[in-house]
Amino acid sequence: MITAMPLKRPDFMKTAYFVDEPGNWHLKPGAPKKLQEEFQQYMESLQEDKTEPGTIQGVHISYPE
């Protein structure tokens, strides 16, 4: 299955706190709260069910009313 990649690289990836280990992304201890929240939201977005009705590979499709 092909998954869509985000067009913009999240800000947390550009910091010294981000650890890009294959299969083990995490933030180093001491990361600012805002960065932790952004990281958590991003990771949760990767876990969403991408097969729900009204989506194509996770992109929501509007239906005419």
N, C-alpha and C. Protein backbone atom coordinates (compact mmCIF):
# COMPACT_ATOMS: atom_id res chain seq x y z
N MET A 1 0.84 -1.19 0.00
CA MET A 1 0.00 0.00 0.00
C MET A 1 0.88 1.25 0.00
N ILE A 2 0.58 2.18 -0.84
CA ILE A 2 1.32 3.44 -0.90
C ILE A 2 0.66 4.43 0.04
N THR A 3 1.46 5.08 0.88
CA THR A 3 0.91 6.09 1.79
C THR A 3 1.38 7.45 1.35
N ALA A 4 0.55 8.44 1.56
CA ALA A 4 0.87 9.81 1.18
C ALA A 4 1.82 10.42 2.21
N MET A 5 2.83 11.09 1.75
CA MET A 5 3.77 11.76 2.63
C MET A 5 3.31 13.21 2.81
N PRO A 6 3.51 13.74 4.01
CA PRO A 6 3.14 15.13 4.22
C PRO A 6 3.99 16.04 3.33
N LEU A 7 3.39 17.12 2.88
CA LEU A 7 4.11 18.04 2.01
C LEU A 7 5.12 18.88 2.78
N LYS A 8 4.82 19.18 4.02
CA LYS A 8 5.70 20.01 4.84
C LYS A 8 6.30 19.16 5.94
N ARG A 9 7.60 19.27 6.11
CA ARG A 9 8.27 18.54 7.18
C ARG A 9 7.94 19.20 8.52
N PRO A 10 7.45 18.43 9.49
CA PRO A 10 7.09 19.01 10.78
C PRO A 10 8.29 19.69 11.45
N ASP A 11 8.01 20.76 12.19
CA ASP A 11 9.07 21.54 12.82
C ASP A 11 9.90 20.73 13.81
N PHE A 12 9.28 19.78 14.51
CA PHE A 12 10.03 19.02 15.51
C PHE A 12 11.17 18.22 14.88
N MET A 13 11.04 17.88 13.59
CA MET A 13 12.08 17.12 12.91
C MET A 13 13.34 17.95 12.66
N LYS A 14 13.22 19.26 12.73
CA LYS A 14 14.34 20.15 12.45
C LYS A 14 15.10 20.55 13.71
N THR A 15 14.75 19.96 14.85
CA THR A 15 15.38 20.35 16.11
C THR A 15 16.40 19.30 16.56
N ALA A 16 17.24 19.71 17.49
CA ALA A 16 18.24 18.80 18.06
C ALA A 16 17.60 17.78 19.00
N TYR A 17 16.34 18.00 19.38
CA TYR A 17 15.65 17.08 20.28
C TYR A 17 15.13 15.83 19.57
N PHE A 18 14.97 15.90 18.26
CA PHE A 18 14.38 14.80 17.50
C PHE A 18 15.43 13.73 17.22
N VAL A 19 15.08 12.48 17.52
CA VAL A 19 15.95 11.33 17.24
C VAL A 19 15.28 10.50 16.16
N ASP A 20 15.93 10.43 15.00
CA ASP A 20 15.38 9.75 13.83
C ASP A 20 15.96 8.34 13.69
N GLU A 21 15.66 7.49 14.65
CA GLU A 21 16.08 6.10 14.58
C GLU A 21 15.00 5.33 13.81
N PRO A 22 15.41 4.53 12.83
CA PRO A 22 14.42 3.76 12.07
C PRO A 22 13.52 2.93 13.00
N GLY A 23 12.22 3.15 12.90
CA GLY A 23 11.25 2.42 13.71
C GLY A 23 11.20 2.85 15.16
N ASN A 24 11.92 3.90 15.54
CA ASN A 24 11.95 4.33 16.94
C ASN A 24 12.09 5.85 17.05
N TRP A 25 11.27 6.57 16.34
CA TRP A 25 11.32 8.03 16.45
C TRP A 25 10.97 8.44 17.87
N HIS A 26 11.71 9.37 18.41
CA HIS A 26 11.40 9.91 19.73
C HIS A 26 12.10 11.24 19.93
N LEU A 27 11.75 11.91 21.00
CA LEU A 27 12.39 13.17 21.37
C LEU A 27 13.32 12.92 22.54
N LYS A 28 14.42 13.64 22.56
CA LYS A 28 15.35 13.54 23.68
C LYS A 28 14.72 14.17 24.92
N PRO A 29 15.14 13.73 26.10
CA PRO A 29 14.65 14.34 27.34
C PRO A 29 14.93 15.85 27.35
N GLY A 30 14.01 16.59 27.92
CA GLY A 30 14.17 18.04 28.01
C GLY A 30 13.57 18.81 26.86
N ALA A 31 12.92 18.11 25.92
CA ALA A 31 12.29 18.80 24.80
C ALA A 31 11.19 19.71 25.32
N PRO A 32 11.06 20.93 24.74
CA PRO A 32 10.01 21.84 25.19
C PRO A 32 8.62 21.22 25.05
N LYS A 33 7.72 21.63 25.94
CA LYS A 33 6.35 21.10 25.97
C LYS A 33 5.66 21.23 24.61
N LYS A 34 5.80 22.39 23.96
CA LYS A 34 5.16 22.62 22.66
C LYS A 34 5.67 21.62 21.62
N LEU A 35 6.96 21.34 21.65
CA LEU A 35 7.55 20.38 20.73
C LEU A 35 7.03 18.97 21.01
N GLN A 36 6.91 18.62 22.28
CA GLN A 36 6.38 17.32 22.67
C GLN A 36 4.95 17.15 22.17
N GLU A 37 4.15 18.20 22.29
CA GLU A 37 2.75 18.14 21.83
C GLU A 37 2.68 17.97 20.32
N GLU A 38 3.51 18.72 19.59
CA GLU A 38 3.52 18.61 18.13
C GLU A 38 3.93 17.19 17.71
N PHE A 39 4.95 16.66 18.37
CA PHE A 39 5.42 15.31 18.07
C PHE A 39 4.31 14.28 18.34
N GLN A 40 3.65 14.41 19.47
CA GLN A 40 2.58 13.48 19.85
C GLN A 40 1.43 13.52 18.84
N GLN A 41 1.03 14.73 18.44
CA GLN A 41 -0.05 14.87 17.46
C GLN A 41 0.34 14.23 16.13
N TYR A 42 1.56 14.45 15.72
CA TYR A 42 2.03 13.87 14.46
C TYR A 42 2.02 12.35 14.52
N MET A 43 2.55 11.79 15.61
CA MET A 43 2.61 10.34 15.74
C MET A 43 1.20 9.73 15.80
N GLU A 44 0.28 10.40 16.48
CA GLU A 44 -1.10 9.92 16.54
C GLU A 44 -1.76 9.98 15.16
N SER A 45 -1.41 10.99 14.36
CA SER A 45 -2.01 11.11 13.03
C SER A 45 -1.57 9.96 12.13
N LEU A 46 -0.40 9.39 12.40
CA LEU A 46 0.07 8.26 11.61
C LEU A 46 -0.68 6.98 11.96
N GLN A 47 -1.31 6.94 13.13
CA GLN A 47 -2.00 5.75 13.59
C GLN A 47 -3.49 5.74 13.23
N GLU A 48 -4.01 6.83 12.66
CA GLU A 48 -5.43 6.90 12.34
C GLU A 48 -5.81 5.83 11.32
N ASP A 49 -7.05 5.39 11.42
CA ASP A 49 -7.57 4.42 10.46
C ASP A 49 -7.71 5.11 9.11
N LYS A 50 -6.90 4.69 8.16
CA LYS A 50 -6.89 5.32 6.84
C LYS A 50 -7.91 4.70 5.89
N THR A 51 -8.72 3.76 6.39
CA THR A 51 -9.66 3.08 5.52
C THR A 51 -11.11 3.41 5.83
N GLU A 52 -11.34 4.46 6.63
CA GLU A 52 -12.71 4.80 6.96
C GLU A 52 -13.45 5.31 5.73
N PRO A 53 -14.78 5.13 5.68
CA PRO A 53 -15.55 5.59 4.53
C PRO A 53 -15.35 7.09 4.30
N GLY A 54 -15.26 7.47 3.06
CA GLY A 54 -15.10 8.88 2.72
C GLY A 54 -13.65 9.31 2.65
N THR A 55 -12.72 8.34 2.60
CA THR A 55 -11.31 8.69 2.49
C THR A 55 -10.66 7.90 1.37
N ILE A 56 -9.65 8.49 0.81
CA ILE A 56 -8.77 7.81 -0.14
C ILE A 56 -7.37 7.97 0.42
N GLN A 57 -6.79 6.88 0.90
CA GLN A 57 -5.48 6.88 1.54
C GLN A 57 -5.39 7.94 2.63
N GLY A 58 -6.45 8.06 3.42
CA GLY A 58 -6.45 8.97 4.55
C GLY A 58 -6.88 10.39 4.24
N VAL A 59 -7.12 10.71 2.97
CA VAL A 59 -7.56 12.05 2.58
C VAL A 59 -9.08 12.05 2.56
N HIS A 60 -9.69 12.90 3.38
CA HIS A 60 -11.15 12.96 3.44
C HIS A 60 -11.72 13.58 2.17
N ILE A 61 -12.74 12.94 1.64
CA ILE A 61 -13.41 13.38 0.43
C ILE A 61 -14.79 13.93 0.80
N SER A 62 -15.05 15.14 0.37
CA SER A 62 -16.36 15.75 0.64
C SER A 62 -17.38 15.18 -0.32
N TYR A 63 -18.57 14.93 0.21
CA TYR A 63 -19.68 14.46 -0.62
C TYR A 63 -20.62 15.61 -0.89
N PRO A 64 -21.15 15.69 -2.11
CA PRO A 64 -22.14 16.74 -2.38
C PRO A 64 -23.42 16.48 -1.59
N GLU A 65 -24.03 17.52 -1.13
CA GLU A 65 -25.25 17.37 -0.34
C GLU A 65 -26.48 17.56 -1.17
